[in-house]
Amino acid sequence: ASQYKLFQDLASFDSCVRACTSSTGDKSALLTLVGGKLELAMYILEGKGPSVSMITPKKSQEKSTEIDHRMNAVTSIHLGGDVFLVVTGDSRGKITVLKVEEGGSCTVLEER
């Protein structure tokens, strides 16, 4: 018997998950997944259950209709308090920096 137990299904990506990362904060953890067609999903995990909340960026890249345009890399760090920093990179060399807060707020700080 497995020691792991599924506690919640997350939304599926249209294409594929290319990379994922997690960071632990003071009261929660941030799980970030990126993939094909510029898909980005972020989840705050809180409590012992845990409870899972999806976060949507206020300004995000449009989903690409091109199968070859994808997010390839992601990393995140806890900055302190309830703030996380997420950095993504796509197949065209674009870097996106996001500020994510435990309460569900997400802001794009930089895109290059």
C-alpha atoms as a PDB file:
ATOM      1  CA  ALA A   1       0.000   0.000   0.000  1.00  0.00           C
ATOM      2  CA  SER A   2       1.188   3.497  -0.830  1.00  0.00           C
ATOM      3  CA  GLN A   3       2.024   5.936   1.961  1.00  0.00           C
ATOM      4  CA  TYR A   4       0.805   8.839  -0.203  1.00  0.00           C
ATOM      5  CA  LYS A   5      -2.819   9.899  -0.476  1.00  0.00           C
ATOM      6  CA  LEU A   6      -4.346  12.120  -3.169  1.00  0.00           C
ATOM      7  CA  PHE A   7      -6.062  15.030  -1.421  1.00  0.00           C
ATOM      8  CA  GLN A   8      -7.204  17.075  -4.418  1.00  0.00           C
ATOM      9  CA  ASP A   9      -7.136  16.933  -8.222  1.00  0.00           C
ATOM     10  CA  LEU A  10      -5.779  20.103  -9.842  1.00  0.00           C
ATOM     11  CA  ALA A  11      -6.885  21.496 -13.200  1.00  0.00           C
ATOM     12  CA  SER A  12      -5.315  19.836 -16.243  1.00  0.00           C
ATOM     13  CA  PHE A  13      -3.134  21.715 -18.712  1.00  0.00           C
ATOM     14  CA  ASP A  14      -4.222  21.831 -22.390  1.00  0.00           C
ATOM     15  CA  SER A  15      -0.827  20.574 -23.488  1.00  0.00           C
ATOM     16  CA  CYS A  16       1.781  19.446 -20.964  1.00  0.00           C
ATOM     17  CA  VAL A  17       3.493  20.418 -17.711  1.00  0.00           C
ATOM     18  CA  ARG A  18       7.113  21.303 -18.513  1.00  0.00           C
ATOM     19  CA  ALA A  19       8.355  22.409 -15.078  1.00  0.00           C
ATOM     20  CA  CYS A  20       7.209  22.878 -11.500  1.00  0.00           C
ATOM     21  CA  THR A  21       8.565  24.362  -8.297  1.00  0.00           C
ATOM     22  CA  SER A  22       7.467  24.926  -4.720  1.00  0.00           C
ATOM     23  CA  SER A  23       8.439  27.312  -1.929  1.00  0.00           C
ATOM     24  CA  THR A  24       7.563  27.171   1.742  1.00  0.00           C
ATOM     25  CA  GLY A  25       6.474  30.361   3.481  1.00  0.00           C
ATOM     26  CA  ASP A  26       5.708  31.208   7.100  1.00  0.00           C
ATOM     27  CA  LYS A  27       2.119  29.866   7.003  1.00  0.00           C
ATOM     28  CA  SER A  28       1.761  28.280   3.574  1.00  0.00           C
ATOM     29  CA  ALA A  29       3.503  26.876   0.518  1.00  0.00           C
ATOM     30  CA  LEU A  30       3.360  28.004  -3.115  1.00  0.00           C
ATOM     31  CA  LEU A  31       3.204  25.404  -5.901  1.00  0.00           C
ATOM     32  CA  THR A  32       3.849  26.727  -9.433  1.00  0.00           C
ATOM     33  CA  LEU A  33       3.517  24.759 -12.683  1.00  0.00           C
ATOM     34  CA  VAL A  34       4.284  25.903 -16.239  1.00  0.00           C
ATOM     35  CA  GLY A  35       3.874  24.229 -19.590  1.00  0.00           C
ATOM     36  CA  GLY A  36       2.922  24.206 -23.236  1.00  0.00           C
ATOM     37  CA  LYS A  37       0.936  27.046 -24.817  1.00  0.00           C
ATOM     38  CA  LEU A  38       2.339  29.420 -22.132  1.00  0.00           C
ATOM     39  CA  GLU A  39       0.212  27.863 -19.401  1.00  0.00           C
ATOM     40  CA  LEU A  40       0.916  28.965 -15.838  1.00  0.00           C
ATOM     41  CA  ALA A  41      -0.822  27.690 -12.705  1.00  0.00           C
ATOM     42  CA  MET A  42      -0.077  28.724  -9.126  1.00  0.00           C
ATOM     43  CA  TYR A  43      -1.566  27.262  -5.961  1.00  0.00           C
ATOM     44  CA  ILE A  44      -1.318  28.287  -2.309  1.00  0.00           C
ATOM     45  CA  LEU A  45      -1.377  25.308   0.067  1.00  0.00           C
ATOM     46  CA  GLU A  46      -2.361  26.118   3.646  1.00  0.00           C
ATOM     47  CA  GLY A  47      -2.904  24.095   6.790  1.00  0.00           C
ATOM     48  CA  LYS A  48      -2.483  20.459   7.612  1.00  0.00           C
ATOM     49  CA  GLY A  49      -5.244  19.372   5.187  1.00  0.00           C
ATOM     50  CA  PRO A  50      -4.002  21.196   3.179  1.00  0.00           C
ATOM     51  CA  SER A  51      -6.477  23.614   1.659  1.00  0.00           C
ATOM     52  CA  VAL A  52      -5.556  24.530  -1.941  1.00  0.00           C
ATOM     53  CA  SER A  53      -6.346  27.885  -3.584  1.00  0.00           C
ATOM     54  CA  MET A  54      -5.565  28.736  -7.218  1.00  0.00           C
ATOM     55  CA  ILE A  55      -3.982  32.106  -8.003  1.00  0.00           C
ATOM     56  CA  THR A  56      -4.397  33.927 -11.328  1.00  0.00           C
ATOM     57  CA  PRO A  57      -1.973  36.707 -12.323  1.00  0.00           C
ATOM     58  CA  LYS A  58      -3.556  40.167 -12.811  1.00  0.00           C
ATOM     59  CA  LYS A  59      -1.593  40.568 -16.022  1.00  0.00           C
ATOM     60  CA  SER A  60      -0.490  37.356 -17.630  1.00  0.00           C
ATOM     61  CA  GLN A  61       0.784  36.230 -20.968  1.00  0.00           C
ATOM     62  CA  GLU A  62      -1.932  35.304 -23.418  1.00  0.00           C
ATOM     63  CA  LYS A  63      -2.204  31.573 -23.925  1.00  0.00           C
ATOM     64  CA  SER A  64      -0.410  30.744 -27.139  1.00  0.00           C
ATOM     65  CA  THR A  65      -2.177  28.760 -29.842  1.00  0.00           C
ATOM     66  CA  GLU A  66       1.219  27.542 -31.056  1.00  0.00           C
ATOM     67  CA  ILE A  67       2.123  24.156 -29.639  1.00  0.00           C
ATOM     68  CA  ASP A  68       5.845  25.034 -29.901  1.00  0.00           C
ATOM     69  CA  HIS A  69       5.560  28.196 -27.767  1.00  0.00           C
ATOM     70  CA  ARG A  70       5.831  27.082 -24.147  1.00  0.00           C
ATOM     71  CA  MET A  71       7.034  27.893 -20.674  1.00  0.00           C
ATOM     72  CA  ASN A  72      10.180  25.838 -20.070  1.00  0.00           C
ATOM     73  CA  ALA A  73      11.457  26.927 -16.689  1.00  0.00           C
ATOM     74  CA  VAL A  74      10.166  28.195 -13.349  1.00  0.00           C
ATOM     75  CA  THR A  75      11.580  28.903  -9.928  1.00  0.00           C
ATOM     76  CA  SER A  76      10.189  30.542  -6.801  1.00  0.00           C
ATOM     77  CA  ILE A  77      11.436  31.813  -3.470  1.00  0.00           C
ATOM     78  CA  HIS A  78       9.778  32.998  -0.272  1.00  0.00           C
ATOM     79  CA  LEU A  79      10.734  36.644   0.338  1.00  0.00           C
ATOM     80  CA  GLY A  80       9.371  36.786   3.879  1.00  0.00           C
ATOM     81  CA  GLY A  81       6.010  37.474   5.445  1.00  0.00           C
ATOM     82  CA  ASP A  82       3.331  36.426   2.973  1.00  0.00           C
ATOM     83  CA  VAL A  83       5.255  37.246  -0.239  1.00  0.00           C
ATOM     84  CA  PHE A  84       6.766  34.895  -2.836  1.00  0.00           C
ATOM     85  CA  LEU A  85       8.727  35.721  -6.000  1.00  0.00           C
ATOM     86  CA  VAL A  86       8.191  33.550  -9.111  1.00  0.00           C
ATOM     87  CA  VAL A  87      10.396  33.708 -12.238  1.00  0.00           C
ATOM     88  CA  THR A  88       9.431  31.932 -15.485  1.00  0.00           C
ATOM     89  CA  GLY A  89      11.175  31.546 -18.839  1.00  0.00           C
ATOM     90  CA  ASP A  90       9.575  30.648 -22.168  1.00  0.00           C
ATOM     91  CA  SER A  91      10.773  29.080 -25.419  1.00  0.00           C
ATOM     92  CA  ARG A  92      11.306  32.501 -27.033  1.00  0.00           C
ATOM     93  CA  GLY A  93      13.613  33.740 -24.285  1.00  0.00           C
ATOM     94  CA  LYS A  94      11.034  35.881 -22.445  1.00  0.00           C
ATOM     95  CA  ILE A  95      11.508  36.114 -18.683  1.00  0.00           C
ATOM     96  CA  THR A  96       8.547  36.990 -16.443  1.00  0.00           C
ATOM     97  CA  VAL A  97       8.850  37.967 -12.763  1.00  0.00           C
ATOM     98  CA  LEU A  98       5.742  37.756 -10.555  1.00  0.00           C
ATOM     99  CA  LYS A  99       5.029  38.800  -6.968  1.00  0.00           C
ATOM    100  CA  VAL A 100       2.602  36.381  -5.283  1.00  0.00           C
ATOM    101  CA  GLU A 101       0.983  36.899  -1.877  1.00  0.00           C
ATOM    102  CA  GLU A 102      -0.535  34.215   0.361  1.00  0.00           C
ATOM    103  CA  GLY A 103      -3.905  35.995   0.220  1.00  0.00           C
ATOM    104  CA  GLY A 104      -4.126  35.264  -3.502  1.00  0.00           C
ATOM    105  CA  SER A 105      -2.796  38.500  -4.983  1.00  0.00           C
ATOM    106  CA  CYS A 106      -0.454  38.130  -7.962  1.00  0.00           C
ATOM    107  CA  THR A 107       1.236  40.935  -9.881  1.00  0.00           C
ATOM    108  CA  VAL A 108       3.567  40.805 -12.886  1.00  0.00           C
ATOM    109  CA  LEU A 109       6.600  42.878 -11.870  1.00  0.00           C
ATOM    110  CA  GLU A 110       8.666  42.540 -15.031  1.00  0.00           C
ATOM    111  CA  GLU A 111       8.533  40.958 -18.502  1.00  0.00           C
ATOM    112  CA  ARG A 112      11.538  40.967 -20.855  1.00  0.00           C
END
